[in-house]
Amino acid sequence: MSNRFDGKVVLITGAGSGLGRASALQVAKEGANLSLVDLNTDSLEETKSKVLEVAPNAEVLLITANVTDEKAVEQYVNETVKKFEKIDGFFNNAGIEGKQSLTEDFGIDEFQKVVNINLNGVFYGLKHVLKVMRKQEFGSIVNSASVGGIRGIGNQSGYAASKHGVVGLTRNSGIEYGQYGISIKAIAPGAIMTPMVEASLKQIDQENWEEVGKQFVEPNPMKRFGKPEEVGYLVAFLLSDQSRFINAVVIPIDGGQSYKY
């Protein structure tokens, strides 16, 4: 197993499941110590247990926090630095999809909820982690955008708007902070089979969601859902020193679907 992360500290939000958990497992296998953040304490404990199965010597800090609360975000950053004295990598990942409906039917409260988590939470994370990394004069950040942040996907106004915002933040901040030895990029996952995607399919058809899923990925050039661990491999590379000259870009991981006409 590669040791790209020996002696390094990686902070991950949305670490209780899905892409956050998969990425935590991957960087831990490669030697990282972890600061894991999620709103769900039980899910965090489960992630920690899985991490220690694959990386028994990893140091793992668990922090329960709401990423829509800037003070809570500042606190999770401070707690991480207090324990580990630095942050080498940050997977700024916490997010939700929200309800599916036409734009005219999308409630303002629901819209604001999605934007608060997906965009404001990412902004707060960037703001406070960048203060640490600028003092260090090094660091790698990966933001979770989405294919929905680089193209329209329909019936998801809040999600699409928030993820387009993440793309803008990534490009802008990458340009600003490259001079300080910090690289900032985003991933744009497509249909990855996570609990969030499963919940989305169940919004369409609660009983037959698996069949809906098969139909959903039929247009994909690879004819399948992506796997969380495949995203974990990409995130690990983008957080590693091997990708330091990759900056201010958004990288799709969607089986090629976003480029299919």
Protein backbone atom coordinates (compact mmCIF):
# COMPACT_ATOMS: atom_id res chain seq x y z
CA MET A 1 0.00 0.00 0.00
CA SER A 2 1.21 3.51 -0.85
CA ASN A 3 2.37 5.69 2.04
CA ARG A 4 1.62 9.04 0.40
CA PHE A 5 0.01 10.32 3.60
CA ASP A 6 2.51 9.19 6.22
CA GLY A 7 2.73 11.96 8.82
CA LYS A 8 -0.07 13.94 7.19
CA VAL A 9 -3.35 15.18 8.64
CA VAL A 10 -6.53 15.12 6.57
CA LEU A 11 -9.74 16.87 7.60
CA ILE A 12 -12.97 15.55 6.06
CA THR A 13 -16.53 16.86 6.40
CA GLY A 14 -19.52 14.67 5.65
CA ALA A 15 -17.36 11.82 6.90
CA GLY A 16 -20.19 9.75 8.33
CA SER A 17 -21.11 8.04 5.07
CA GLY A 18 -20.76 7.99 1.30
CA LEU A 19 -17.89 9.82 -0.36
CA GLY A 20 -16.55 11.21 2.90
CA ARG A 21 -16.29 7.78 4.49
CA ALA A 22 -14.78 6.21 1.37
CA SER A 23 -12.16 8.95 1.17
CA ALA A 24 -11.35 8.64 4.87
CA LEU A 25 -10.75 4.92 4.43
CA GLN A 26 -8.48 5.47 1.44
CA VAL A 27 -6.23 8.15 2.92
CA ALA A 28 -6.05 6.25 6.21
CA LYS A 29 -4.84 3.15 4.35
CA GLU A 30 -2.10 5.37 2.95
CA GLY A 31 -0.97 6.60 6.35
CA ALA A 32 -3.07 9.67 7.17
CA ASN A 33 -4.27 10.77 10.56
CA LEU A 34 -7.84 12.00 10.38
CA SER A 35 -10.14 14.69 11.68
CA LEU A 36 -13.65 13.58 10.75
CA VAL A 37 -16.67 15.89 10.86
CA ASP A 38 -20.35 15.06 10.49
CA LEU A 39 -23.71 16.04 11.95
CA ASN A 40 -24.44 12.41 12.86
CA THR A 41 -22.33 11.17 15.78
CA ASP A 42 -23.30 7.52 15.35
CA SER A 43 -22.26 7.59 11.69
CA LEU A 44 -18.93 9.12 12.65
CA GLU A 45 -18.31 6.35 15.16
CA GLU A 46 -19.07 3.79 12.47
CA THR A 47 -16.62 5.45 10.09
CA LYS A 48 -13.94 5.48 12.79
CA SER A 49 -14.48 1.78 13.42
CA LYS A 50 -14.06 1.01 9.72
CA VAL A 51 -10.96 3.21 9.51
CA LEU A 52 -9.29 1.40 12.39
CA GLU A 53 -10.00 -1.94 10.72
CA VAL A 54 -7.88 -0.93 7.72
CA ALA A 55 -5.45 1.40 9.51
CA PRO A 56 -5.08 0.33 13.17
CA ASN A 57 -2.40 2.92 13.89
CA ALA A 58 -4.33 5.91 12.57
CA GLU A 59 -5.14 8.74 14.95
CA VAL A 60 -8.79 9.69 14.45
CA LEU A 61 -10.47 12.79 15.87
CA LEU A 62 -14.28 12.85 15.67
CA ILE A 63 -16.15 16.16 15.69
CA THR A 64 -19.92 16.49 15.55
CA ALA A 65 -20.75 19.79 13.85
CA ASN A 66 -23.30 21.56 11.67
CA VAL A 67 -21.49 23.04 8.67
CA THR A 68 -24.15 25.74 8.24
CA ASP A 69 -23.00 27.31 11.52
CA GLU A 70 -19.84 29.32 10.89
CA LYS A 71 -18.85 29.24 14.56
CA ALA A 72 -19.11 25.44 14.51
CA VAL A 73 -16.95 25.35 11.39
CA GLU A 74 -14.34 27.58 13.00
CA GLN A 75 -14.44 25.29 16.02
CA TYR A 76 -13.86 22.08 14.04
CA VAL A 77 -10.89 23.71 12.35
CA ASN A 78 -9.50 24.91 15.68
CA GLU A 79 -9.98 21.49 17.31
CA THR A 80 -8.15 19.84 14.44
CA VAL A 81 -5.19 22.21 14.71
CA LYS A 82 -5.15 21.89 18.50
CA LYS A 83 -4.78 18.10 18.26
CA PHE A 84 -2.60 17.74 15.17
CA GLU A 85 -0.92 21.19 14.88
CA LYS A 86 -1.55 21.37 11.14
CA ILE A 87 -3.92 20.48 8.30
CA ASP A 88 -2.28 18.97 5.21
CA GLY A 89 -5.45 18.11 3.32
CA PHE A 90 -9.10 19.13 3.48
CA PHE A 91 -11.95 17.27 1.78
CA ASN A 92 -14.72 19.88 1.98
CA ASN A 93 -17.48 17.41 1.31
CA ALA A 94 -20.62 17.76 3.46
CA GLY A 95 -23.77 18.15 1.37
CA ILE A 96 -27.34 17.11 0.64
CA GLU A 97 -29.47 16.82 -2.46
CA GLY A 98 -32.80 18.16 -1.21
CA LYS A 99 -36.22 17.60 -2.68
CA GLN A 100 -36.88 17.10 -6.36
CA SER A 101 -39.36 19.44 -8.02
CA LEU A 102 -39.73 22.00 -10.78
CA THR A 103 -38.19 25.38 -10.06
CA GLU A 104 -41.59 27.07 -9.69
CA ASP A 105 -42.59 24.52 -7.05
CA PHE A 106 -39.32 24.63 -5.13
CA GLY A 107 -40.03 26.09 -1.69
CA ILE A 108 -37.80 28.93 -0.54
CA ASP A 109 -37.12 27.22 2.79
CA GLU A 110 -35.98 24.05 1.02
CA PHE A 111 -33.88 26.08 -1.43
CA GLN A 112 -32.16 27.94 1.39
CA LYS A 113 -31.58 24.70 3.32
CA VAL A 114 -29.75 23.12 0.38
CA VAL A 115 -27.72 26.24 -0.35
CA ASN A 116 -26.83 26.71 3.32
CA ILE A 117 -25.34 23.23 3.54
CA ASN A 118 -23.86 22.76 0.08
CA LEU A 119 -22.54 26.26 -0.60
CA ASN A 120 -22.36 28.21 2.65
CA GLY A 121 -20.88 25.21 4.45
CA VAL A 122 -18.19 24.86 1.80
CA PHE A 123 -17.46 28.59 1.96
CA TYR A 124 -17.12 28.55 5.75
CA GLY A 125 -14.82 25.54 5.54
CA LEU A 126 -12.65 27.21 2.91
CA LYS A 127 -12.51 30.45 4.85
CA HIS A 128 -11.24 28.94 8.08
CA VAL A 129 -9.02 26.19 6.68
CA LEU A 130 -7.36 28.65 4.30
CA LYS A 131 -6.33 30.80 7.28
CA VAL A 132 -4.47 27.79 8.67
CA MET A 133 -2.95 26.72 5.37
CA ARG A 134 -1.82 30.22 4.48
CA LYS A 135 0.18 30.40 7.71
CA GLN A 136 1.61 26.94 6.98
CA GLU A 137 2.34 27.91 3.36
CA PHE A 138 1.14 24.52 2.17
CA GLY A 139 -2.02 22.46 1.82
CA SER A 140 -4.40 20.75 -0.58
CA ILE A 141 -8.16 21.25 -0.66
CA VAL A 142 -10.77 19.24 -2.54
CA ASN A 143 -14.32 20.61 -2.63
CA SER A 144 -17.30 18.41 -3.46
CA ALA A 145 -19.11 19.88 -6.43
CA SER A 146 -21.16 17.70 -8.78
CA VAL A 147 -21.98 17.08 -12.40
CA GLY A 148 -24.97 19.19 -11.34
CA GLY A 149 -22.49 22.02 -10.84
CA ILE A 150 -21.27 22.00 -14.44
CA ARG A 151 -24.52 21.25 -16.29
CA GLY A 152 -28.27 21.27 -15.73
CA ILE A 153 -29.83 18.11 -14.32
CA GLY A 154 -33.51 19.01 -13.89
CA ASN A 155 -35.85 19.11 -10.89
CA GLN A 156 -33.04 20.09 -8.52
CA SER A 157 -32.82 23.88 -8.54
CA GLY A 158 -31.31 24.20 -5.08
CA TYR A 159 -28.77 21.45 -5.63
CA ALA A 160 -27.69 22.71 -9.04
CA ALA A 161 -27.41 26.31 -7.87
CA SER A 162 -25.39 25.35 -4.81
CA LYS A 163 -23.00 23.11 -6.72
CA HIS A 164 -22.46 25.71 -9.44
CA GLY A 165 -21.50 28.01 -6.57
CA VAL A 166 -18.97 25.47 -5.30
CA VAL A 167 -17.41 25.40 -8.76
CA GLY A 168 -17.09 29.19 -8.71
CA LEU A 169 -15.58 29.21 -5.23
CA THR A 170 -13.06 26.57 -6.25
CA ARG A 171 -11.87 28.38 -9.34
CA ASN A 172 -11.73 31.76 -7.66
CA SER A 173 -9.99 30.57 -4.49
CA GLY A 174 -7.53 28.44 -6.41
CA ILE A 175 -6.41 31.50 -8.33
CA GLU A 176 -6.09 33.51 -5.11
CA TYR A 177 -4.18 31.01 -2.99
CA GLY A 178 -1.85 29.20 -5.39
CA GLN A 179 0.83 31.78 -4.56
CA TYR A 180 0.77 30.57 -0.95
CA GLY A 181 1.54 26.96 -1.80
CA ILE A 182 -2.10 25.88 -1.58
CA SER A 183 -3.88 23.95 -4.33
CA ILE A 184 -7.67 23.98 -4.48
CA LYS A 185 -9.72 21.80 -6.78
CA ALA A 186 -13.18 20.26 -6.92
CA ILE A 187 -14.57 16.91 -7.92
CA ALA A 188 -17.81 16.64 -9.87
CA PRO A 189 -19.28 13.21 -9.14
CA GLY A 190 -22.04 11.88 -11.32
CA ALA A 191 -24.23 8.97 -10.33
CA ILE A 192 -22.32 7.36 -7.46
CA MET A 193 -24.23 4.79 -5.41
CA THR A 194 -24.25 6.41 -1.99
CA PRO A 195 -27.00 6.67 0.63
CA MET A 196 -27.82 10.13 -0.76
CA VAL A 197 -28.31 8.79 -4.29
CA GLU A 198 -30.36 5.87 -2.99
CA ALA A 199 -32.62 8.35 -1.17
CA SER A 200 -32.95 10.34 -4.39
CA LEU A 201 -34.07 7.27 -6.32
CA LYS A 202 -36.58 6.48 -3.59
CA GLN A 203 -38.07 9.95 -4.05
CA ILE A 204 -38.93 8.85 -7.58
CA ASP A 205 -40.28 5.39 -6.67
CA GLN A 206 -40.05 4.13 -3.10
CA GLU A 207 -40.81 0.50 -3.94
CA ASN A 208 -39.04 0.12 -7.29
CA TRP A 209 -36.05 2.39 -6.77
CA GLU A 210 -33.53 -0.24 -7.89
CA GLU A 211 -35.26 -0.53 -11.27
CA VAL A 212 -35.37 3.26 -11.48
CA GLY A 213 -31.63 3.22 -10.85
CA LYS A 214 -31.01 0.81 -13.72
CA GLN A 215 -32.95 3.08 -16.05
CA PHE A 216 -31.15 6.12 -14.70
CA VAL A 217 -27.68 4.83 -15.59
CA GLU A 218 -28.66 3.35 -18.96
CA PRO A 219 -27.54 6.51 -20.86
CA ASN A 220 -24.18 6.47 -19.06
CA PRO A 221 -21.33 5.37 -21.36
CA MET A 222 -20.28 2.85 -18.68
CA LYS A 223 -23.86 1.64 -18.00
CA ARG A 224 -23.50 1.63 -14.23
CA PHE A 225 -23.30 3.67 -11.05
CA GLY A 226 -19.92 4.70 -9.78
CA LYS A 227 -18.64 3.28 -6.51
CA PRO A 228 -17.76 5.42 -3.48
CA GLU A 229 -14.30 3.86 -3.31
CA GLU A 230 -13.63 5.02 -6.89
CA VAL A 231 -14.23 8.58 -5.71
CA GLY A 232 -12.02 7.87 -2.70
CA TYR A 233 -9.12 6.98 -5.00
CA LEU A 234 -9.52 10.29 -6.85
CA VAL A 235 -9.82 12.35 -3.68
CA ALA A 236 -6.70 10.71 -2.24
CA PHE A 237 -4.72 11.57 -5.36
CA LEU A 238 -5.97 15.16 -5.37
CA LEU A 239 -5.07 15.61 -1.70
CA SER A 240 -1.62 14.09 -2.18
CA ASP A 241 1.62 15.88 -3.03
CA GLN A 242 1.47 14.23 -6.46
CA SER A 243 -1.28 16.65 -7.52
CA ARG A 244 0.10 19.92 -6.15
CA PHE A 245 0.24 21.58 -9.60
CA ILE A 246 -3.42 20.76 -10.26
CA ASN A 247 -5.25 23.89 -9.15
CA ALA A 248 -8.49 25.83 -9.70
CA VAL A 249 -10.08 23.05 -11.74
CA VAL A 250 -13.15 20.83 -11.53
CA ILE A 251 -12.67 17.15 -12.32
CA PRO A 252 -15.71 15.06 -13.32
CA ILE A 253 -15.95 11.47 -12.12
CA ASP A 254 -19.09 10.32 -13.88
CA GLY A 255 -18.24 7.59 -16.38
CA GLY A 256 -18.10 10.18 -19.16
CA GLN A 257 -21.76 11.15 -19.00
CA SER A 258 -21.22 14.90 -18.70
CA TYR A 259 -19.45 14.86 -22.08
CA LYS A 260 -22.09 12.81 -23.87
CA TYR A 261 -24.25 14.74 -26.29
